[in-house]
PDB file of N, CA and C in Angstrom:
ATOM      1  N   GLN A   1       0.072 -26.918 -19.044  1.00  0.00           N
ATOM      2  CA  GLN A   1       0.922 -25.518 -18.590  1.00  0.00           C
ATOM      3  C   GLN A   1       0.171 -24.548 -19.538  1.00  0.00           C
ATOM      4  N   ALA A   2      -0.160 -23.485 -18.975  1.00  0.00           N
ATOM      5  CA  ALA A   2      -0.925 -22.469 -19.715  1.00  0.00           C
ATOM      6  C   ALA A   2      -0.049 -21.559 -19.365  1.00  0.00           C
ATOM      7  N   ALA A   3       0.481 -20.742 -18.839  1.00  0.00           N
ATOM      8  CA  ALA A   3       1.150 -19.776 -19.051  1.00  0.00           C
ATOM      9  C   ALA A   3       2.237 -20.133 -18.156  1.00  0.00           C
ATOM     10  N   PHE A   4       3.529 -18.845 -17.802  1.00  0.00           N
ATOM     11  CA  PHE A   4       4.584 -19.077 -16.679  1.00  0.00           C
ATOM     12  C   PHE A   4       4.941 -17.786 -16.141  1.00  0.00           C
ATOM     13  N   ALA A   5       5.398 -17.442 -14.973  1.00  0.00           N
ATOM     14  CA  ALA A   5       5.840 -15.936 -14.993  1.00  0.00           C
ATOM     15  C   ALA A   5       6.759 -16.164 -13.514  1.00  0.00           C
ATOM     16  N   SER A   6       7.785 -15.500 -13.779  1.00  0.00           N
ATOM     17  CA  SER A   6       9.042 -15.514 -12.777  1.00  0.00           C
ATOM     18  C   SER A   6       8.841 -14.423 -11.646  1.00  0.00           C
ATOM     19  N   HIS A   7       9.642 -14.952 -10.836  1.00  0.00           N
ATOM     20  CA  HIS A   7       9.667 -14.115  -9.501  1.00  0.00           C
ATOM     21  C   HIS A   7      11.173 -13.239  -9.503  1.00  0.00           C
ATOM     22  N   CYS A   8      11.686 -12.306  -9.631  1.00  0.00           N
ATOM     23  CA  CYS A   8      12.488 -11.623  -9.651  1.00  0.00           C
ATOM     24  C   CYS A   8      13.097 -11.160  -8.486  1.00  0.00           C
ATOM     25  N   LYS A   9      14.400 -10.522  -8.431  1.00  0.00           N
ATOM     26  CA  LYS A   9      14.359 -10.352  -6.908  1.00  0.00           C
ATOM     27  C   LYS A   9      14.468  -9.435  -6.190  1.00  0.00           C
ATOM     28  N   ASN A  10      13.668  -8.474  -6.291  1.00  0.00           N
ATOM     29  CA  ASN A  10      12.700  -7.477  -6.176  1.00  0.00           C
ATOM     30  C   ASN A  10      11.353  -7.521  -5.672  1.00  0.00           C
ATOM     31  N   GLY A  11      11.204  -8.952  -5.916  1.00  0.00           N
ATOM     32  CA  GLY A  11       9.464  -9.105  -5.090  1.00  0.00           C
ATOM     33  C   GLY A  11       8.838  -9.112  -6.259  1.00  0.00           C
ATOM     34  N   ASN A  12       8.305  -8.536  -7.483  1.00  0.00           N
ATOM     35  CA  ASN A  12       7.666  -8.676  -8.468  1.00  0.00           C
ATOM     36  C   ASN A  12       7.883 -10.106  -9.152  1.00  0.00           C
ATOM     37  N   TYR A  13       6.465 -10.637  -9.928  1.00  0.00           N
ATOM     38  CA  TYR A  13       6.163 -11.550 -11.246  1.00  0.00           C
ATOM     39  C   TYR A  13       6.500 -10.651 -11.907  1.00  0.00           C
ATOM     40  N   HIS A  14       7.382 -11.866 -12.840  1.00  0.00           N
ATOM     41  CA  HIS A  14       6.986 -11.117 -14.593  1.00  0.00           C
ATOM     42  C   HIS A  14       6.761 -12.052 -15.239  1.00  0.00           C
ATOM     43  N   GLU A  15       5.783 -12.321 -16.915  1.00  0.00           N
ATOM     44  CA  GLU A  15       5.405 -12.816 -17.270  1.00  0.00           C
ATOM     45  C   GLU A  15       6.974 -13.833 -18.822  1.00  0.00           C
ATOM     46  N   ASP A  16       6.571 -15.223 -18.519  1.00  0.00           N
ATOM     47  CA  ASP A  16       7.528 -15.648 -19.128  1.00  0.00           C
ATOM     48  C   ASP A  16       6.706 -15.710 -20.829  1.00  0.00           C
ATOM     49  N   PHE A  17       7.202 -14.611 -21.556  1.00  0.00           N
ATOM     50  CA  PHE A  17       6.160 -14.575 -23.030  1.00  0.00           C
ATOM     51  C   PHE A  17       6.175 -15.899 -23.663  1.00  0.00           C
ATOM     52  N   GLU A  18       7.878 -16.380 -23.193  1.00  0.00           N
ATOM     53  CA  GLU A  18       8.033 -18.175 -24.339  1.00  0.00           C
ATOM     54  C   GLU A  18       6.916 -18.621 -24.203  1.00  0.00           C
ATOM     55  N   PHE A  19       6.502 -18.967 -22.947  1.00  0.00           N
ATOM     56  CA  PHE A  19       5.683 -20.529 -22.321  1.00  0.00           C
ATOM     57  C   PHE A  19       3.821 -19.655 -22.311  1.00  0.00           C
ATOM     58  N   GLY A  20       3.419 -18.507 -22.410  1.00  0.00           N
ATOM     59  CA  GLY A  20       2.194 -18.526 -22.926  1.00  0.00           C
ATOM     60  C   GLY A  20       2.346 -17.040 -22.790  1.00  0.00           C
ATOM     61  N   ASN A  21       0.336 -16.232 -22.882  1.00  0.00           N
ATOM     62  CA  ASN A  21       0.386 -15.103 -22.447  1.00  0.00           C
ATOM     63  C   ASN A  21      -0.536 -15.043 -21.416  1.00  0.00           C
ATOM     64  N   ILE A  22      -0.682 -14.244 -20.472  1.00  0.00           N
ATOM     65  CA  ILE A  22      -1.101 -13.939 -18.893  1.00  0.00           C
ATOM     66  C   ILE A  22      -1.912 -12.614 -18.953  1.00  0.00           C
ATOM     67  N   GLU A  23      -3.503 -12.464 -19.275  1.00  0.00           N
ATOM     68  CA  GLU A  23      -4.038 -11.538 -18.784  1.00  0.00           C
ATOM     69  C   GLU A  23      -5.297 -11.621 -18.597  1.00  0.00           C
ATOM     70  N   LEU A  24      -5.743 -10.499 -17.848  1.00  0.00           N
ATOM     71  CA  LEU A  24      -7.235 -10.273 -16.711  1.00  0.00           C
ATOM     72  C   LEU A  24      -8.547 -10.001 -17.167  1.00  0.00           C
ATOM     73  N   PHE A  25      -9.309 -10.325 -16.616  1.00  0.00           N
ATOM     74  CA  PHE A  25      -9.904 -11.425 -16.686  1.00  0.00           C
ATOM     75  C   PHE A  25     -10.976  -9.857 -15.813  1.00  0.00           C
ATOM     76  N   ASP A  26     -11.843  -9.114 -16.347  1.00  0.00           N
ATOM     77  CA  ASP A  26     -12.826  -8.114 -15.559  1.00  0.00           C
ATOM     78  C   ASP A  26     -11.965  -7.153 -15.034  1.00  0.00           C
ATOM     79  N   PRO A  27     -11.280  -6.421 -15.690  1.00  0.00           N
ATOM     80  CA  PRO A  27      -9.487  -5.590 -15.017  1.00  0.00           C
ATOM     81  C   PRO A  27     -10.169  -4.312 -14.088  1.00  0.00           C
ATOM     82  N   VAL A  28     -10.134  -4.286 -13.001  1.00  0.00           N
ATOM     83  CA  VAL A  28     -10.715  -2.947 -12.514  1.00  0.00           C
ATOM     84  C   VAL A  28      -9.192  -2.235 -11.945  1.00  0.00           C
ATOM     85  N   LYS A  29      -9.386  -0.736 -12.247  1.00  0.00           N
ATOM     86  CA  LYS A  29      -8.275   0.013 -11.741  1.00  0.00           C
ATOM     87  C   LYS A  29      -8.130   0.161 -10.269  1.00  0.00           C
ATOM     88  N   GLN A  30      -7.092  -0.330  -9.669  1.00  0.00           N
ATOM     89  CA  GLN A  30      -6.736   0.407  -8.402  1.00  0.00           C
ATOM     90  C   GLN A  30      -5.442   1.327  -8.103  1.00  0.00           C
ATOM     91  N   PRO A  31      -5.606   1.767  -6.830  1.00  0.00           N
ATOM     92  CA  PRO A  31      -4.383   2.291  -6.810  1.00  0.00           C
ATOM     93  C   PRO A  31      -3.024   1.617  -6.685  1.00  0.00           C
ATOM     94  N   ASN A  32      -2.490   0.502  -6.707  1.00  0.00           N
ATOM     95  CA  ASN A  32      -1.329  -0.040  -6.760  1.00  0.00           C
ATOM     96  C   ASN A  32      -1.527  -0.749  -8.047  1.00  0.00           C
ATOM     97  N   GLY A  33      -2.617  -0.738  -9.123  1.00  0.00           N
ATOM     98  CA  GLY A  33      -2.167  -0.877 -10.562  1.00  0.00           C
ATOM     99  C   GLY A  33      -3.694  -1.668 -10.763  1.00  0.00           C
ATOM    100  N   ILE A  34      -4.187  -2.732 -11.770  1.00  0.00           N
ATOM    101  CA  ILE A  34      -5.214  -3.325 -12.259  1.00  0.00           C
ATOM    102  C   ILE A  34      -5.355  -4.504 -11.881  1.00  0.00           C
ATOM    103  N   ILE A  35      -6.256  -4.973 -11.082  1.00  0.00           N
ATOM    104  CA  ILE A  35      -6.820  -6.259 -10.542  1.00  0.00           C
ATOM    105  C   ILE A  35      -7.709  -7.307 -11.111  1.00  0.00           C
ATOM    106  N   GLY A  36      -7.377  -8.033 -11.454  1.00  0.00           N
ATOM    107  CA  GLY A  36      -8.432  -8.965 -11.814  1.00  0.00           C
ATOM    108  C   GLY A  36      -8.129 -10.618 -11.943  1.00  0.00           C
ATOM    109  N   ASP A  37      -8.813 -11.558 -12.134  1.00  0.00           N
ATOM    110  CA  ASP A  37      -9.165 -13.181 -12.973  1.00  0.00           C
ATOM    111  C   ASP A  37      -8.206 -13.173 -14.009  1.00  0.00           C
ATOM    112  N   VAL A  38      -6.954 -13.936 -13.923  1.00  0.00           N
ATOM    113  CA  VAL A  38      -6.393 -14.401 -14.802  1.00  0.00           C
ATOM    114  C   VAL A  38      -6.844 -15.298 -15.402  1.00  0.00           C
ATOM    115  N   VAL A  39      -6.605 -14.897 -16.310  1.00  0.00           N
ATOM    116  CA  VAL A  39      -6.788 -15.652 -18.177  1.00  0.00           C
ATOM    117  C   VAL A  39      -5.395 -16.395 -18.893  1.00  0.00           C
ATOM    118  N   ALA A  40      -5.316 -17.458 -19.212  1.00  0.00           N
ATOM    119  CA  ALA A  40      -4.170 -18.113 -19.424  1.00  0.00           C
ATOM    120  C   ALA A  40      -4.325 -18.642 -20.831  1.00  0.00           C
ATOM    121  N   THR A  41      -3.411 -18.381 -21.543  1.00  0.00           N
ATOM    122  CA  THR A  41      -3.115 -19.128 -22.981  1.00  0.00           C
ATOM    123  C   THR A  41      -1.982 -19.384 -22.977  1.00  0.00           C
ATOM    124  N   GLY A  42      -1.385 -20.607 -23.390  1.00  0.00           N
ATOM    125  CA  GLY A  42      -0.144 -21.368 -23.924  1.00  0.00           C
ATOM    126  C   GLY A  42      -0.421 -21.660 -24.853  1.00  0.00           C
ATOM    127  N   PHE A  43       0.991 -21.685 -25.368  1.00  0.00           N
ATOM    128  CA  PHE A  43       2.223 -21.253 -26.394  1.00  0.00           C
ATOM    129  C   PHE A  43       2.724 -23.170 -26.861  1.00  0.00           C
ATOM    130  N   MET A  44       3.190 -24.235 -25.792  1.00  0.00           N
ATOM    131  CA  MET A  44       3.416 -25.385 -25.420  1.00  0.00           C
ATOM    132  C   MET A  44       2.764 -26.534 -26.096  1.00  0.00           C
ATOM    133  N   ASN A  45       1.199 -26.341 -25.727  1.00  0.00           N
ATOM    134  CA  ASN A  45       0.897 -27.778 -26.198  1.00  0.00           C
ATOM    135  C   ASN A  45       0.240 -27.695 -27.183  1.00  0.00           C
ATOM    136  N   TYR A  46       1.052 -28.006 -28.119  1.00  0.00           N
ATOM    137  CA  TYR A  46      -0.245 -28.197 -29.491  1.00  0.00           C
ATOM    138  C   TYR A  46      -1.407 -29.127 -29.651  1.00  0.00           C
ATOM    139  N   GLY A  47      -1.156 -30.558 -28.997  1.00  0.00           N
ATOM    140  CA  GLY A  47      -2.439 -31.204 -29.557  1.00  0.00           C
ATOM    141  C   GLY A  47      -4.123 -30.512 -28.410  1.00  0.00           C
ATOM    142  N   MET A  48      -3.611 -30.052 -27.348  1.00  0.00           N
ATOM    143  CA  MET A  48      -4.348 -29.494 -26.808  1.00  0.00           C
ATOM    144  C   MET A  48      -4.234 -28.486 -25.872  1.00  0.00           C
ATOM    145  N   PRO A  49      -4.495 -27.113 -26.766  1.00  0.00           N
ATOM    146  CA  PRO A  49      -3.667 -26.121 -25.785  1.00  0.00           C
ATOM    147  C   PRO A  49      -4.839 -25.893 -24.912  1.00  0.00           C
ATOM    148  N   PHE A  50      -4.127 -24.660 -24.202  1.00  0.00           N
ATOM    149  CA  PHE A  50      -5.394 -23.963 -23.260  1.00  0.00           C
ATOM    150  C   PHE A  50      -5.839 -22.525 -23.534  1.00  0.00           C
ATOM    151  N   ILE A  51      -6.792 -22.196 -24.413  1.00  0.00           N
ATOM    152  CA  ILE A  51      -6.810 -21.168 -24.796  1.00  0.00           C
ATOM    153  C   ILE A  51      -7.604 -19.883 -24.053  1.00  0.00           C
ATOM    154  N   ARG A  52      -7.291 -18.400 -23.523  1.00  0.00           N
ATOM    155  CA  ARG A  52      -7.978 -18.130 -22.504  1.00  0.00           C
ATOM    156  C   ARG A  52      -9.009 -18.703 -21.227  1.00  0.00           C
ATOM    157  N   TYR A  53      -7.918 -19.735 -20.439  1.00  0.00           N
ATOM    158  CA  TYR A  53      -8.169 -20.186 -19.460  1.00  0.00           C
ATOM    159  C   TYR A  53      -8.241 -19.639 -18.667  1.00  0.00           C
ATOM    160  N   LEU A  54      -9.118 -19.825 -17.722  1.00  0.00           N
ATOM    161  CA  LEU A  54      -9.637 -18.789 -16.354  1.00  0.00           C
ATOM    162  C   LEU A  54      -9.092 -19.376 -15.354  1.00  0.00           C
ATOM    163  N   VAL A  55      -7.717 -19.274 -14.806  1.00  0.00           N
ATOM    164  CA  VAL A  55      -7.253 -20.439 -13.971  1.00  0.00           C
ATOM    165  C   VAL A  55      -7.318 -20.208 -12.690  1.00  0.00           C
ATOM    166  N   GLY A  56      -8.633 -19.296 -12.380  1.00  0.00           N
ATOM    167  CA  GLY A  56      -8.715 -19.397 -10.743  1.00  0.00           C
ATOM    168  C   GLY A  56      -7.879 -18.540 -10.203  1.00  0.00           C
ATOM    169  N   ASP A  57      -7.279 -18.230 -10.248  1.00  0.00           N
ATOM    170  CA  ASP A  57      -6.404 -16.720  -9.267  1.00  0.00           C
ATOM    171  C   ASP A  57      -6.606 -15.030 -10.239  1.00  0.00           C
ATOM    172  N   THR A  58      -6.617 -14.372  -8.717  1.00  0.00           N
ATOM    173  CA  THR A  58      -6.522 -12.799  -8.549  1.00  0.00           C
ATOM    174  C   THR A  58      -5.081 -12.585  -9.144  1.00  0.00           C
ATOM    175  N   ALA A  59      -5.301 -11.957  -9.778  1.00  0.00           N
ATOM    176  CA  ALA A  59      -3.737 -10.611  -9.791  1.00  0.00           C
ATOM    177  C   ALA A  59      -3.664  -9.347  -9.747  1.00  0.00           C
ATOM    178  N   VAL A  60      -2.437  -8.936  -9.577  1.00  0.00           N
ATOM    179  CA  VAL A  60      -2.316  -7.758  -9.810  1.00  0.00           C
ATOM    180  C   VAL A  60      -1.302  -6.861 -10.747  1.00  0.00           C
ATOM    181  N   PHE A  61      -1.598  -6.325 -11.803  1.00  0.00           N
ATOM    182  CA  PHE A  61      -0.732  -5.763 -12.959  1.00  0.00           C
ATOM    183  C   PHE A  61      -0.256  -4.718 -12.691  1.00  0.00           C
ATOM    184  N   SER A  62       1.237  -4.422 -12.333  1.00  0.00           N
ATOM    185  CA  SER A  62       1.320  -3.121 -11.649  1.00  0.00           C
ATOM    186  C   SER A  62       2.047  -2.241 -13.521  1.00  0.00           C
ATOM    187  N   GLU A  63       2.294  -1.031 -12.981  1.00  0.00           N
ATOM    188  CA  GLU A  63       3.269  -0.443 -14.380  1.00  0.00           C
ATOM    189  C   GLU A  63       4.200   0.055 -13.924  1.00  0.00           C
ATOM    190  N   ILE A  64       4.981  -0.854 -13.443  1.00  0.00           N
ATOM    191  CA  ILE A  64       6.568  -1.170 -12.866  1.00  0.00           C
ATOM    192  C   ILE A  64       7.494  -1.802 -14.414  1.00  0.00           C
TER     193      ILE A  64
END
């Protein structure tokens, strides 16, 4: 597991910082937020960690 996000009652996802870090690769500003490819770094697997792993998903980070 590289990172984790939880779905809230308002329909948004929020990063769970205890498991890892999520960032955007090549972010582009859009009217509804910042869009880019998801890059994750996991904090749970010390033997073989995922560090800035390009997971193959796209996400929009909003300022909510």
